Amino acid sequence: MKQILFFTLPLYLYATSSFITPKEYAAQLYKNPRGIGCNLCHGENGEGKLIAKYKHKGVEKSFRGPQINNKTYEEFAKALNRRKKGMPRYFLTNKEVEALYLHLQKDKEEKKKDDK
């Protein structure tokens, strides 16, 4: 019995451990959820970003990715599941949406820690 435990315990511990932290997973997911990263349109921290400037009928216009790091979780999740011009549809799982939201809130969490 001890031999079985001796050989299976390391395998069990290896199988339950992860090679990537939840924060690292969220950061990687934000950069590449399904081919086109959120950061390309919404900025590195969800602050919003200018995507393109153009002229339409002689009028200067711009196309911007909106700020998303100021949304509540409910607003964020709802926005990801709504069709919008220019926004790809990712078909994310609930866990992926949670990870992305937590990634966008990391600066707020760090600020809270610094204030204490």
C-alpha atoms as a PDB file:
ATOM      1  CA  MET A   1       0.000   0.000   0.000  1.00  0.00           C
ATOM      2  CA  LYS A   2       2.835   2.394   0.835  1.00  0.00           C
ATOM      3  CA  GLN A   3       4.382   1.725  -2.571  1.00  0.00           C
ATOM      4  CA  ILE A   4       1.177   2.680  -4.369  1.00  0.00           C
ATOM      5  CA  LEU A   5       0.930   5.894  -2.354  1.00  0.00           C
ATOM      6  CA  PHE A   6       4.606   6.626  -2.944  1.00  0.00           C
ATOM      7  CA  PHE A   7       4.187   6.387  -6.728  1.00  0.00           C
ATOM      8  CA  THR A   8       0.755   7.993  -7.100  1.00  0.00           C
ATOM      9  CA  LEU A   9       1.152  10.991  -4.776  1.00  0.00           C
ATOM     10  CA  PRO A  10       3.676  12.811  -7.014  1.00  0.00           C
ATOM     11  CA  LEU A  11       1.456  12.213 -10.045  1.00  0.00           C
ATOM     12  CA  TYR A  12      -1.553  13.554  -8.180  1.00  0.00           C
ATOM     13  CA  LEU A  13       0.326  16.661  -7.030  1.00  0.00           C
ATOM     14  CA  TYR A  14       1.650  17.253 -10.530  1.00  0.00           C
ATOM     15  CA  ALA A  15      -1.814  16.893 -12.062  1.00  0.00           C
ATOM     16  CA  THR A  16      -3.429  19.354  -9.631  1.00  0.00           C
ATOM     17  CA  SER A  17      -0.765  22.024  -9.939  1.00  0.00           C
ATOM     18  CA  SER A  18      -0.807  24.531 -12.755  1.00  0.00           C
ATOM     19  CA  PHE A  19       2.093  25.877 -14.718  1.00  0.00           C
ATOM     20  CA  ILE A  20       0.407  29.271 -15.087  1.00  0.00           C
ATOM     21  CA  THR A  21      -1.160  31.512 -12.448  1.00  0.00           C
ATOM     22  CA  PRO A  22      -4.694  32.889 -12.824  1.00  0.00           C
ATOM     23  CA  LYS A  23      -3.226  36.395 -13.335  1.00  0.00           C
ATOM     24  CA  GLU A  24      -0.929  35.142 -16.099  1.00  0.00           C
ATOM     25  CA  TYR A  25      -3.805  33.272 -17.729  1.00  0.00           C
ATOM     26  CA  ALA A  26      -5.995  36.395 -17.663  1.00  0.00           C
ATOM     27  CA  ALA A  27      -3.229  38.564 -19.148  1.00  0.00           C
ATOM     28  CA  GLN A  28      -2.619  36.086 -21.970  1.00  0.00           C
ATOM     29  CA  LEU A  29      -6.341  35.739 -22.623  1.00  0.00           C
ATOM     30  CA  TYR A  30      -6.676  39.540 -22.867  1.00  0.00           C
ATOM     31  CA  LYS A  31      -3.906  39.620 -25.472  1.00  0.00           C
ATOM     32  CA  ASN A  32      -5.290  36.749 -27.529  1.00  0.00           C
ATOM     33  CA  PRO A  33      -8.750  35.403 -26.681  1.00  0.00           C
ATOM     34  CA  ARG A  34      -9.559  33.978 -30.122  1.00  0.00           C
ATOM     35  CA  GLY A  35      -7.099  35.453 -32.595  1.00  0.00           C
ATOM     36  CA  ILE A  36      -7.572  39.217 -32.151  1.00  0.00           C
ATOM     37  CA  GLY A  37      -6.470  40.553 -28.790  1.00  0.00           C
ATOM     38  CA  CYS A  38      -8.604  42.913 -26.717  1.00  0.00           C
ATOM     39  CA  ASN A  39      -5.523  45.110 -26.234  1.00  0.00           C
ATOM     40  CA  LEU A  40      -5.412  45.988 -29.936  1.00  0.00           C
ATOM     41  CA  CYS A  41      -8.627  48.017 -29.665  1.00  0.00           C
ATOM     42  CA  HIS A  42      -9.119  48.666 -25.961  1.00  0.00           C
ATOM     43  CA  GLY A  43      -5.502  49.386 -24.932  1.00  0.00           C
ATOM     44  CA  GLU A  44      -3.145  47.476 -22.674  1.00  0.00           C
ATOM     45  CA  ASN A  45      -5.254  48.116 -19.581  1.00  0.00           C
ATOM     46  CA  GLY A  46      -8.728  48.601 -21.054  1.00  0.00           C
ATOM     47  CA  GLU A  47      -8.368  52.388 -21.171  1.00  0.00           C
ATOM     48  CA  GLY A  48      -9.626  52.660 -24.765  1.00  0.00           C
ATOM     49  CA  LYS A  49      -7.565  53.229 -27.878  1.00  0.00           C
ATOM     50  CA  LEU A  50      -7.649  55.043 -31.202  1.00  0.00           C
ATOM     51  CA  ILE A  51      -7.867  52.409 -33.916  1.00  0.00           C
ATOM     52  CA  ALA A  52      -7.999  54.556 -37.049  1.00  0.00           C
ATOM     53  CA  LYS A  53      -8.465  58.070 -38.361  1.00  0.00           C
ATOM     54  CA  TYR A  54     -10.135  58.572 -41.731  1.00  0.00           C
ATOM     55  CA  LYS A  55     -12.015  61.048 -43.883  1.00  0.00           C
ATOM     56  CA  HIS A  56     -15.608  60.479 -44.884  1.00  0.00           C
ATOM     57  CA  LYS A  57     -17.040  62.952 -47.399  1.00  0.00           C
ATOM     58  CA  GLY A  58     -14.288  65.409 -46.491  1.00  0.00           C
ATOM     59  CA  VAL A  59     -14.927  65.168 -42.740  1.00  0.00           C
ATOM     60  CA  GLU A  60     -12.180  63.890 -40.395  1.00  0.00           C
ATOM     61  CA  LYS A  61     -13.436  60.983 -38.329  1.00  0.00           C
ATOM     62  CA  SER A  62     -11.960  58.442 -35.971  1.00  0.00           C
ATOM     63  CA  PHE A  63     -12.761  54.894 -34.918  1.00  0.00           C
ATOM     64  CA  ARG A  64     -12.027  54.129 -31.280  1.00  0.00           C
ATOM     65  CA  GLY A  65     -12.158  51.100 -29.071  1.00  0.00           C
ATOM     66  CA  PRO A  66     -14.019  52.254 -25.951  1.00  0.00           C
ATOM     67  CA  GLN A  67     -12.750  52.196 -22.398  1.00  0.00           C
ATOM     68  CA  ILE A  68     -13.742  48.919 -20.750  1.00  0.00           C
ATOM     69  CA  ASN A  69     -11.898  48.960 -17.416  1.00  0.00           C
ATOM     70  CA  ASN A  70     -14.557  51.194 -15.831  1.00  0.00           C
ATOM     71  CA  LYS A  71     -17.484  48.793 -16.312  1.00  0.00           C
ATOM     72  CA  THR A  72     -19.214  46.709 -13.685  1.00  0.00           C
ATOM     73  CA  TYR A  73     -18.983  42.965 -14.173  1.00  0.00           C
ATOM     74  CA  GLU A  74     -22.589  42.846 -15.352  1.00  0.00           C
ATOM     75  CA  GLU A  75     -22.019  45.599 -17.937  1.00  0.00           C
ATOM     76  CA  PHE A  76     -18.804  43.944 -19.096  1.00  0.00           C
ATOM     77  CA  ALA A  77     -20.339  40.479 -19.514  1.00  0.00           C
ATOM     78  CA  LYS A  78     -23.392  41.883 -21.295  1.00  0.00           C
ATOM     79  CA  ALA A  79     -21.232  43.942 -23.693  1.00  0.00           C
ATOM     80  CA  LEU A  80     -19.213  40.859 -24.653  1.00  0.00           C
ATOM     81  CA  ASN A  81     -22.351  39.032 -25.680  1.00  0.00           C
ATOM     82  CA  ARG A  82     -23.889  41.874 -27.693  1.00  0.00           C
ATOM     83  CA  ARG A  83     -23.137  42.410 -31.379  1.00  0.00           C
ATOM     84  CA  LYS A  84     -21.428  45.716 -32.172  1.00  0.00           C
ATOM     85  CA  LYS A  85     -19.780  47.258 -35.208  1.00  0.00           C
ATOM     86  CA  GLY A  86     -16.131  46.308 -35.375  1.00  0.00           C
ATOM     87  CA  MET A  87     -16.224  44.029 -32.332  1.00  0.00           C
ATOM     88  CA  PRO A  88     -15.473  40.391 -33.094  1.00  0.00           C
ATOM     89  CA  ARG A  89     -17.642  37.742 -31.471  1.00  0.00           C
ATOM     90  CA  TYR A  90     -15.477  35.576 -29.227  1.00  0.00           C
ATOM     91  CA  PHE A  91     -17.976  33.092 -27.725  1.00  0.00           C
ATOM     92  CA  LEU A  92     -16.173  33.150 -24.387  1.00  0.00           C
ATOM     93  CA  THR A  93     -16.993  30.882 -21.483  1.00  0.00           C
ATOM     94  CA  ASN A  94     -18.111  32.368 -18.167  1.00  0.00           C
ATOM     95  CA  LYS A  95     -14.708  31.568 -16.661  1.00  0.00           C
ATOM     96  CA  GLU A  96     -12.973  33.388 -19.521  1.00  0.00           C
ATOM     97  CA  VAL A  97     -15.204  36.445 -19.063  1.00  0.00           C
ATOM     98  CA  GLU A  98     -14.410  36.420 -15.331  1.00  0.00           C
ATOM     99  CA  ALA A  99     -10.679  36.158 -16.022  1.00  0.00           C
ATOM    100  CA  LEU A 100     -10.784  39.068 -18.484  1.00  0.00           C
ATOM    101  CA  TYR A 101     -12.740  41.214 -16.043  1.00  0.00           C
ATOM    102  CA  LEU A 102     -10.310  40.452 -13.202  1.00  0.00           C
ATOM    103  CA  HIS A 103      -7.400  41.327 -15.504  1.00  0.00           C
ATOM    104  CA  LEU A 104      -8.958  44.717 -16.219  1.00  0.00           C
ATOM    105  CA  GLN A 105      -9.475  45.341 -12.489  1.00  0.00           C
ATOM    106  CA  LYS A 106      -5.864  44.526 -11.529  1.00  0.00           C
ATOM    107  CA  ASP A 107      -4.823  48.186 -11.292  1.00  0.00           C
ATOM    108  CA  LYS A 108      -7.702  48.935  -8.919  1.00  0.00           C
ATOM    109  CA  GLU A 109      -6.748  45.962  -6.748  1.00  0.00           C
ATOM    110  CA  GLU A 110      -3.082  47.031  -6.662  1.00  0.00           C
ATOM    111  CA  LYS A 111      -4.100  50.584  -5.742  1.00  0.00           C
ATOM    112  CA  LYS A 112      -6.213  49.264  -2.847  1.00  0.00           C
ATOM    113  CA  LYS A 113      -3.189  47.313  -1.575  1.00  0.00           C
ATOM    114  CA  ASP A 114      -0.975  50.404  -1.843  1.00  0.00           C
ATOM    115  CA  ASP A 115      -3.486  52.549   0.052  1.00  0.00           C
ATOM    116  CA  LYS A 116      -3.476  50.189   3.056  1.00  0.00           C
END
